[in-house]
C-alpha cells in the first residue's frame, strides 16, 4: 500500500495528534488542570467517537458474520471483492464478482427501519430487496443457502 503526500501510517500517530488534523479548542471555563482559562488550543488526541457519532457502523459481531460469509463465497469462487461504506443513515457491505462491476449484493444496516421492516436488508444488483429483517443471521441466509441433496 502506498501512501500519498500528507498521509501517514495510522500507527504513527497513536496517542498523539494525526498530522494535518485540526486542533481542538477548549472553551473558556471548561479548561482542565494545566490549561489556561482562555480559549486555549489543545493538541491532545481527539476521541474516535467524535468522528463516528454521526455514522452508522457495523459492530464486531456483525463484521465477523459478514466476513465469514464472504470468505466462504470467495473460496467457492462466487465473490472476489468487497466494499464497506459507513454513511450517516446506514452502513453498507457490498460484494462484487469483479472489482470493476456494480455490487452483486449490498447488505445494509439502517437503524431507522428497525421498527418497520427491519434493520438489515440484502439488496441485489438490480435494486430488488431480497430479504429484510431484525437479525443479521436470518437475513444473510438468503445468500448463504447451501445445496442439499434430496433423496427421492
N, C-alpha and C. Protein backbone atom coordinates (compact mmCIF):
# COMPACT_ATOMS: atom_id res chain seq x y z
N UNK A 1 0.84 -1.17 0.00
CA UNK A 1 0.00 0.00 0.00
C UNK A 1 0.88 1.23 0.00
N UNK A 2 0.67 2.14 -0.92
CA UNK A 2 1.47 3.36 -0.97
C UNK A 2 0.67 4.50 -0.36
N UNK A 3 1.37 5.34 0.34
CA UNK A 3 0.75 6.48 0.99
C UNK A 3 1.02 7.72 0.17
N UNK A 4 0.02 8.57 0.05
CA UNK A 4 0.16 9.79 -0.72
C UNK A 4 0.81 10.88 0.11
N UNK A 5 1.02 12.04 -0.49
CA UNK A 5 1.63 13.14 0.25
C UNK A 5 0.71 13.58 1.37
N UNK A 6 1.26 13.73 2.55
CA UNK A 6 0.47 14.15 3.70
C UNK A 6 -0.16 13.00 4.45
N UNK A 7 -0.11 11.78 3.89
CA UNK A 7 -0.65 10.61 4.56
C UNK A 7 0.42 10.03 5.47
N UNK A 8 -0.03 9.39 6.53
CA UNK A 8 0.91 8.73 7.42
C UNK A 8 0.32 7.41 7.85
N UNK A 9 1.15 6.52 8.28
CA UNK A 9 0.73 5.23 8.78
C UNK A 9 -0.11 5.47 10.04
N UNK A 10 -1.29 4.84 10.18
CA UNK A 10 -2.14 5.09 11.35
C UNK A 10 -1.43 4.82 12.66
N UNK A 11 -0.52 3.86 12.71
CA UNK A 11 0.16 3.53 13.96
C UNK A 11 1.16 4.62 14.36
N UNK A 12 1.49 5.53 13.44
CA UNK A 12 2.47 6.56 13.75
C UNK A 12 1.91 7.64 14.66
N UNK A 13 0.61 7.84 14.68
CA UNK A 13 0.08 8.91 15.50
C UNK A 13 -0.81 8.39 16.62
N UNK A 14 -0.63 7.15 17.03
CA UNK A 14 -1.37 6.62 18.16
C UNK A 14 -0.92 7.34 19.42
N UNK A 15 -1.88 7.86 20.15
CA UNK A 15 -1.57 8.56 21.38
C UNK A 15 -1.25 10.02 21.17
N UNK A 16 -1.18 10.48 19.96
CA UNK A 16 -0.89 11.87 19.66
C UNK A 16 -1.91 12.40 18.69
N UNK A 17 -1.58 13.46 18.04
CA UNK A 17 -2.47 14.06 17.07
C UNK A 17 -1.99 13.68 15.68
N UNK A 18 -2.90 13.30 14.83
CA UNK A 18 -2.56 12.97 13.47
C UNK A 18 -2.09 14.21 12.74
N UNK A 19 -1.07 14.08 11.91
CA UNK A 19 -0.60 15.24 11.16
C UNK A 19 -1.71 15.79 10.27
N UNK A 20 -1.89 17.08 10.31
CA UNK A 20 -2.91 17.70 9.47
C UNK A 20 -4.29 17.71 10.08
N UNK A 21 -4.47 17.12 11.27
CA UNK A 21 -5.79 17.13 11.89
C UNK A 21 -5.99 18.47 12.58
N UNK A 22 -7.23 18.94 12.63
CA UNK A 22 -7.48 20.24 13.23
C UNK A 22 -7.30 20.18 14.74
N UNK A 23 -6.73 21.20 15.33
CA UNK A 23 -6.58 21.21 16.79
C UNK A 23 -7.93 21.41 17.46
N UNK A 24 -8.04 20.91 18.69
CA UNK A 24 -9.26 21.10 19.46
C UNK A 24 -9.17 22.42 20.23
N UNK A 25 -10.25 23.13 20.28
CA UNK A 25 -10.30 24.38 21.04
C UNK A 25 -11.07 24.12 22.31
N UNK A 26 -10.47 24.43 23.44
CA UNK A 26 -11.13 24.25 24.73
C UNK A 26 -11.87 25.54 25.05
N UNK A 27 -13.21 25.47 25.22
CA UNK A 27 -13.96 26.69 25.53
C UNK A 27 -13.51 27.29 26.86
N UNK A 28 -13.68 28.60 26.98
CA UNK A 28 -13.32 29.28 28.21
C UNK A 28 -14.17 28.74 29.35
N UNK A 29 -13.55 28.50 30.50
CA UNK A 29 -14.26 27.99 31.66
C UNK A 29 -14.33 26.47 31.70
N UNK A 30 -13.97 25.78 30.63
CA UNK A 30 -14.02 24.32 30.56
C UNK A 30 -12.63 23.71 30.55
N UNK A 31 -11.61 24.50 30.82
CA UNK A 31 -10.24 24.03 30.74
C UNK A 31 -9.94 23.05 31.87
N UNK A 32 -9.10 22.09 31.59
CA UNK A 32 -8.68 21.12 32.59
C UNK A 32 -7.46 21.65 33.31
N UNK A 33 -6.96 20.92 34.28
CA UNK A 33 -5.78 21.38 35.01
C UNK A 33 -4.60 21.51 34.06
N UNK A 34 -3.82 22.53 34.22
CA UNK A 34 -2.66 22.75 33.37
C UNK A 34 -2.98 23.59 32.14
N UNK A 35 -4.25 23.91 31.92
CA UNK A 35 -4.63 24.75 30.79
C UNK A 35 -5.14 26.08 31.32
N UNK A 36 -4.89 27.11 30.59
CA UNK A 36 -5.38 28.43 30.97
C UNK A 36 -6.89 28.49 30.82
N UNK A 37 -7.53 29.43 31.46
CA UNK A 37 -8.98 29.57 31.40
C UNK A 37 -9.43 30.36 30.17
N UNK A 38 -8.56 30.53 29.20
CA UNK A 38 -8.92 31.21 27.97
C UNK A 38 -9.25 30.18 26.90
N UNK A 39 -9.49 30.59 25.68
CA UNK A 39 -9.78 29.68 24.58
C UNK A 39 -8.52 29.04 24.04
N UNK A 40 -7.80 28.31 24.89
CA UNK A 40 -6.52 27.71 24.52
C UNK A 40 -6.74 26.52 23.60
N UNK A 41 -5.84 26.34 22.66
CA UNK A 41 -5.90 25.23 21.71
C UNK A 41 -5.25 24.01 22.34
N UNK A 42 -5.97 22.88 22.30
CA UNK A 42 -5.44 21.63 22.83
C UNK A 42 -4.93 20.78 21.68
N UNK A 43 -3.76 20.20 21.83
CA UNK A 43 -3.20 19.35 20.78
C UNK A 43 -3.25 17.88 21.17
N UNK A 44 -4.03 17.51 22.17
CA UNK A 44 -4.15 16.12 22.60
C UNK A 44 -4.96 15.31 21.60
N UNK A 45 -5.02 14.00 21.82
CA UNK A 45 -5.74 13.14 20.88
C UNK A 45 -7.24 13.42 20.89
N UNK A 46 -7.84 13.31 19.73
CA UNK A 46 -9.27 13.51 19.57
C UNK A 46 -9.94 12.15 19.66
N UNK A 47 -11.03 12.08 20.40
CA UNK A 47 -11.75 10.82 20.57
C UNK A 47 -12.32 10.34 19.24
N UNK A 48 -12.25 9.03 18.99
CA UNK A 48 -12.80 8.46 17.76
C UNK A 48 -14.31 8.61 17.72
N UNK A 49 -14.95 8.70 18.88
CA UNK A 49 -16.41 8.84 18.92
C UNK A 49 -16.87 10.17 18.35
N UNK A 50 -16.02 11.19 18.37
CA UNK A 50 -16.40 12.48 17.81
C UNK A 50 -16.56 12.40 16.31
N UNK A 51 -15.81 11.55 15.64
CA UNK A 51 -15.89 11.44 14.19
C UNK A 51 -16.96 10.46 13.75
N UNK A 52 -17.26 9.46 14.54
CA UNK A 52 -18.21 8.44 14.14
C UNK A 52 -19.57 8.58 14.82
N UNK A 53 -19.78 9.63 15.58
CA UNK A 53 -21.05 9.80 16.28
C UNK A 53 -22.20 9.98 15.29
N UNK A 54 -21.92 10.52 14.11
CA UNK A 54 -22.99 10.74 13.14
C UNK A 54 -22.97 9.70 12.03
N UNK A 55 -22.31 8.55 12.25
CA UNK A 55 -22.25 7.49 11.25
C UNK A 55 -22.83 6.20 11.82
N UNK A 56 -23.44 5.43 10.95
CA UNK A 56 -23.91 4.10 11.30
C UNK A 56 -22.80 3.13 10.95
N UNK A 57 -22.45 2.22 11.85
CA UNK A 57 -21.37 1.28 11.61
C UNK A 57 -21.81 -0.14 11.93
N UNK A 58 -21.06 -1.11 11.46
CA UNK A 58 -21.25 -2.50 11.85
C UNK A 58 -20.40 -2.74 13.10
N UNK A 59 -20.93 -3.50 14.06
CA UNK A 59 -20.12 -3.85 15.22
C UNK A 59 -19.29 -5.09 14.91
N UNK A 60 -18.47 -5.49 15.85
CA UNK A 60 -17.53 -6.59 15.63
C UNK A 60 -18.23 -7.91 15.30
N UNK A 61 -19.31 -8.24 16.01
CA UNK A 61 -20.03 -9.49 15.75
C UNK A 61 -20.64 -9.50 14.35
N UNK A 62 -21.17 -8.35 13.92
CA UNK A 62 -21.75 -8.25 12.58
C UNK A 62 -20.66 -8.40 11.51
N UNK A 63 -19.52 -7.77 11.73
CA UNK A 63 -18.42 -7.89 10.77
C UNK A 63 -17.89 -9.32 10.71
N UNK A 64 -17.82 -10.00 11.85
CA UNK A 64 -17.39 -11.40 11.85
C UNK A 64 -18.33 -12.25 11.02
N UNK A 65 -19.62 -12.04 11.16
CA UNK A 65 -20.60 -12.80 10.39
C UNK A 65 -20.50 -12.48 8.90
N UNK A 66 -20.35 -11.19 8.57
CA UNK A 66 -20.24 -10.78 7.17
C UNK A 66 -18.97 -11.35 6.52
N UNK A 67 -17.84 -11.27 7.22
CA UNK A 67 -16.59 -11.77 6.65
C UNK A 67 -16.56 -13.30 6.61
N UNK A 68 -17.27 -13.96 7.52
CA UNK A 68 -17.38 -15.41 7.44
C UNK A 68 -18.09 -15.84 6.17
N UNK A 69 -19.22 -15.19 5.88
CA UNK A 69 -19.95 -15.46 4.64
C UNK A 69 -19.10 -15.11 3.42
N UNK A 70 -18.44 -13.95 3.47
CA UNK A 70 -17.61 -13.51 2.36
C UNK A 70 -16.49 -14.51 2.09
N UNK A 71 -15.85 -15.01 3.13
CA UNK A 71 -14.77 -15.98 2.97
C UNK A 71 -15.24 -17.27 2.32
N UNK A 72 -16.41 -17.75 2.72
CA UNK A 72 -16.96 -18.97 2.11
C UNK A 72 -17.27 -18.75 0.63
N UNK A 73 -17.83 -17.60 0.30
CA UNK A 73 -18.17 -17.32 -1.10
C UNK A 73 -16.92 -17.11 -1.95
N UNK A 74 -15.87 -16.52 -1.40
CA UNK A 74 -14.61 -16.37 -2.13
C UNK A 74 -14.00 -17.74 -2.37
N UNK A 75 -14.02 -18.60 -1.35
CA UNK A 75 -13.47 -19.95 -1.51
C UNK A 75 -14.23 -20.74 -2.57
N UNK A 76 -15.53 -20.48 -2.69
CA UNK A 76 -16.34 -21.16 -3.70
C UNK A 76 -16.17 -20.51 -5.08
N UNK A 77 -15.49 -19.38 -5.16
CA UNK A 77 -15.26 -18.71 -6.43
C UNK A 77 -16.39 -17.82 -6.89
N UNK A 78 -17.35 -17.52 -6.02
CA UNK A 78 -18.50 -16.72 -6.41
C UNK A 78 -18.25 -15.22 -6.26
N UNK A 79 -17.54 -14.82 -5.22
CA UNK A 79 -17.27 -13.41 -4.97
C UNK A 79 -15.77 -13.17 -5.02
N UNK A 80 -15.40 -11.92 -5.38
CA UNK A 80 -13.97 -11.62 -5.47
C UNK A 80 -13.55 -10.35 -4.74
N UNK A 81 -14.49 -9.46 -4.45
CA UNK A 81 -14.12 -8.19 -3.84
C UNK A 81 -15.25 -7.71 -2.96
N UNK A 82 -14.96 -6.77 -2.07
CA UNK A 82 -15.99 -6.19 -1.20
C UNK A 82 -15.67 -4.72 -0.95
N UNK A 83 -16.67 -4.02 -0.44
CA UNK A 83 -16.50 -2.62 -0.04
C UNK A 83 -17.39 -2.38 1.17
N UNK A 84 -16.93 -1.53 2.08
CA UNK A 84 -17.70 -1.16 3.27
C UNK A 84 -17.85 0.34 3.26
N UNK A 85 -19.08 0.81 3.41
CA UNK A 85 -19.37 2.24 3.49
C UNK A 85 -20.10 2.52 4.78
N UNK A 86 -19.63 3.50 5.55
CA UNK A 86 -20.30 3.96 6.75
C UNK A 86 -20.86 5.34 6.46
N UNK A 87 -22.17 5.43 6.31
CA UNK A 87 -22.82 6.68 5.97
C UNK A 87 -23.58 7.22 7.18
N UNK A 88 -24.17 8.38 7.04
CA UNK A 88 -24.91 8.98 8.15
C UNK A 88 -26.12 8.14 8.54
N UNK A 89 -26.84 7.64 7.55
CA UNK A 89 -28.10 6.95 7.84
C UNK A 89 -28.02 5.44 7.76
N UNK A 90 -26.94 4.89 7.19
CA UNK A 90 -26.84 3.43 7.06
C UNK A 90 -25.39 3.01 6.85
N UNK A 91 -25.14 1.72 7.12
CA UNK A 91 -23.85 1.10 6.84
C UNK A 91 -24.09 0.08 5.74
N UNK A 92 -23.17 0.00 4.77
CA UNK A 92 -23.36 -0.86 3.61
C UNK A 92 -22.13 -1.74 3.42
N UNK A 93 -22.35 -3.05 3.27
CA UNK A 93 -21.32 -4.02 2.93
C UNK A 93 -21.67 -4.52 1.54
N UNK A 94 -20.87 -4.15 0.54
CA UNK A 94 -21.15 -4.52 -0.85
C UNK A 94 -20.20 -5.63 -1.29
N UNK A 95 -20.71 -6.59 -2.05
CA UNK A 95 -19.86 -7.66 -2.57
C UNK A 95 -19.90 -7.63 -4.10
N UNK A 96 -18.76 -7.97 -4.70
CA UNK A 96 -18.59 -7.88 -6.15
C UNK A 96 -18.11 -9.21 -6.70
N UNK A 97 -18.50 -9.51 -7.90
CA UNK A 97 -17.93 -10.65 -8.61
C UNK A 97 -16.60 -10.23 -9.24
N UNK A 98 -16.56 -9.02 -9.76
CA UNK A 98 -15.33 -8.41 -10.28
C UNK A 98 -15.24 -6.99 -9.72
N UNK A 99 -14.04 -6.49 -9.60
CA UNK A 99 -13.84 -5.19 -8.96
C UNK A 99 -14.39 -4.04 -9.80
N UNK A 100 -14.54 -4.23 -11.11
CA UNK A 100 -14.96 -3.13 -11.97
C UNK A 100 -16.48 -3.11 -12.17
N UNK A 101 -17.22 -3.95 -11.50
CA UNK A 101 -18.67 -4.03 -11.69
C UNK A 101 -19.43 -3.25 -10.64
N UNK A 102 -20.73 -3.24 -10.82
CA UNK A 102 -21.62 -2.78 -9.76
C UNK A 102 -21.70 -3.91 -8.73
N UNK A 103 -22.07 -3.62 -7.49
CA UNK A 103 -22.12 -4.68 -6.49
C UNK A 103 -23.13 -5.77 -6.86
N UNK A 104 -22.74 -7.01 -6.62
CA UNK A 104 -23.63 -8.14 -6.83
C UNK A 104 -24.76 -8.10 -5.79
N UNK A 105 -24.37 -7.86 -4.54
CA UNK A 105 -25.33 -7.69 -3.43
C UNK A 105 -24.82 -6.59 -2.52
N UNK A 106 -25.77 -5.93 -1.86
CA UNK A 106 -25.45 -4.98 -0.80
C UNK A 106 -26.17 -5.44 0.45
N UNK A 107 -25.44 -5.55 1.53
CA UNK A 107 -26.05 -5.84 2.83
C UNK A 107 -26.05 -4.52 3.58
N UNK A 108 -27.25 -4.02 3.89
CA UNK A 108 -27.37 -2.70 4.50
C UNK A 108 -27.90 -2.81 5.92
N UNK A 109 -27.37 -1.94 6.77
CA UNK A 109 -27.86 -1.79 8.14
C UNK A 109 -28.41 -0.38 8.25
N UNK A 110 -29.73 -0.28 8.43
CA UNK A 110 -30.39 1.02 8.52
C UNK A 110 -31.21 1.04 9.81
N UNK A 111 -30.69 1.63 10.89
CA UNK A 111 -31.38 1.61 12.18
C UNK A 111 -32.74 2.32 12.17
N UNK A 112 -32.95 3.24 11.24
CA UNK A 112 -34.24 3.94 11.20
C UNK A 112 -35.38 3.01 10.81
N UNK A 113 -35.06 1.89 10.15
CA UNK A 113 -36.09 0.94 9.75
C UNK A 113 -36.29 -0.18 10.77
N UNK A 114 -35.68 -0.06 11.94
CA UNK A 114 -35.71 -1.14 12.94
C UNK A 114 -37.13 -1.50 13.36
N UNK A 115 -38.00 -0.53 13.52
CA UNK A 115 -39.36 -0.82 13.97
C UNK A 115 -40.31 -1.09 12.81
N UNK A 116 -39.87 -0.91 11.61
CA UNK A 116 -40.75 -1.13 10.46
C UNK A 116 -40.42 -2.47 9.81
N UNK A 117 -39.58 -2.46 8.78
CA UNK A 117 -39.29 -3.69 8.05
C UNK A 117 -38.14 -4.47 8.66
N UNK A 118 -37.28 -3.84 9.40
CA UNK A 118 -36.11 -4.50 9.98
C UNK A 118 -34.85 -3.72 9.70
N UNK A 119 -33.90 -3.83 10.58
CA UNK A 119 -32.65 -3.07 10.47
C UNK A 119 -31.81 -3.50 9.28
N UNK A 120 -31.77 -4.81 9.00
CA UNK A 120 -30.88 -5.34 7.96
C UNK A 120 -31.65 -5.66 6.69
N UNK A 121 -30.98 -5.50 5.55
CA UNK A 121 -31.58 -5.88 4.28
C UNK A 121 -30.49 -6.31 3.31
N UNK A 122 -30.85 -7.26 2.44
CA UNK A 122 -29.98 -7.71 1.36
C UNK A 122 -30.62 -7.21 0.07
N UNK A 123 -29.85 -6.46 -0.72
CA UNK A 123 -30.35 -5.84 -1.94
C UNK A 123 -29.52 -6.36 -3.11
N UNK A 124 -30.19 -6.81 -4.16
CA UNK A 124 -29.49 -7.35 -5.34
C UNK A 124 -28.97 -6.21 -6.21
N UNK A 125 -28.25 -6.57 -7.28
CA UNK A 125 -27.65 -5.59 -8.19
C UNK A 125 -28.72 -4.77 -8.91
N UNK A 126 -29.90 -5.35 -9.09
CA UNK A 126 -30.98 -4.65 -9.78
C UNK A 126 -31.80 -3.75 -8.85
N UNK A 127 -31.49 -3.78 -7.55
CA UNK A 127 -32.22 -2.96 -6.60
C UNK A 127 -33.34 -3.70 -5.90
N UNK A 128 -33.53 -4.96 -6.23
CA UNK A 128 -34.56 -5.78 -5.61
C UNK A 128 -34.15 -6.13 -4.19
N UNK A 129 -35.04 -5.92 -3.23
CA UNK A 129 -34.76 -6.29 -1.85
C UNK A 129 -35.01 -7.79 -1.71
N UNK A 130 -33.93 -8.54 -1.52
CA UNK A 130 -34.02 -10.00 -1.44
C UNK A 130 -34.62 -10.42 -0.11
N UNK A 131 -34.15 -9.83 0.98
CA UNK A 131 -34.69 -10.16 2.29
C UNK A 131 -34.43 -9.01 3.25
N UNK A 132 -35.35 -8.84 4.20
CA UNK A 132 -35.24 -7.85 5.26
C UNK A 132 -35.53 -8.49 6.59
N UNK A 133 -34.96 -7.95 7.66
CA UNK A 133 -35.27 -8.50 8.96
C UNK A 133 -34.52 -7.82 10.08
N UNK A 134 -34.84 -8.25 11.31
CA UNK A 134 -34.23 -7.69 12.51
C UNK A 134 -32.90 -8.34 12.86
N UNK A 135 -32.71 -9.61 12.44
CA UNK A 135 -31.50 -10.35 12.79
C UNK A 135 -30.64 -10.56 11.55
N UNK A 136 -29.35 -10.25 11.68
CA UNK A 136 -28.44 -10.34 10.54
C UNK A 136 -28.31 -11.78 10.05
N UNK A 137 -28.24 -12.74 10.97
CA UNK A 137 -28.09 -14.14 10.55
C UNK A 137 -29.24 -14.61 9.66
N UNK A 138 -30.44 -14.25 10.02
CA UNK A 138 -31.60 -14.65 9.20
C UNK A 138 -31.61 -13.98 7.84
N UNK A 139 -31.19 -12.74 7.80
CA UNK A 139 -31.15 -12.01 6.53
C UNK A 139 -30.08 -12.59 5.61
N UNK A 140 -28.94 -12.96 6.19
CA UNK A 140 -27.84 -13.49 5.38
C UNK A 140 -28.11 -14.90 4.87
N UNK A 141 -29.08 -15.58 5.44
CA UNK A 141 -29.42 -16.93 4.95
C UNK A 141 -29.88 -16.90 3.50
N UNK A 142 -30.38 -15.76 3.05
CA UNK A 142 -30.79 -15.63 1.65
C UNK A 142 -29.59 -15.79 0.71
N UNK A 143 -28.40 -15.44 1.19
CA UNK A 143 -27.18 -15.55 0.39
C UNK A 143 -26.39 -16.80 0.70
N UNK A 144 -26.58 -17.36 1.87
CA UNK A 144 -25.75 -18.46 2.37
C UNK A 144 -26.44 -19.81 2.23
N UNK A 145 -27.33 -19.93 1.29
CA UNK A 145 -28.03 -21.19 1.10
C UNK A 145 -27.06 -22.23 0.56
N UNK A 146 -27.00 -23.33 1.22
CA UNK A 146 -26.17 -24.43 0.72
C UNK A 146 -27.07 -25.44 0.04
N UNK A 147 -26.54 -26.07 -0.99
CA UNK A 147 -27.33 -27.05 -1.72
C UNK A 147 -27.46 -28.31 -0.88
N UNK A 148 -28.66 -28.84 -0.84
CA UNK A 148 -28.88 -30.07 -0.10
C UNK A 148 -29.34 -31.15 -1.06
N UNK A 149 -28.94 -32.36 -0.79
CA UNK A 149 -29.29 -33.48 -1.64
C UNK A 149 -30.68 -33.98 -1.24
N UNK A 150 -31.53 -34.13 -2.23
CA UNK A 150 -32.88 -34.60 -1.97
C UNK A 150 -32.96 -36.05 -2.39
N UNK A 151 -33.30 -36.89 -1.42
CA UNK A 151 -33.44 -38.32 -1.72
C UNK A 151 -34.82 -38.55 -2.32
N UNK A 152 -34.87 -39.26 -3.38
CA UNK A 152 -36.18 -39.41 -3.98
C UNK A 152 -36.30 -40.63 -4.70
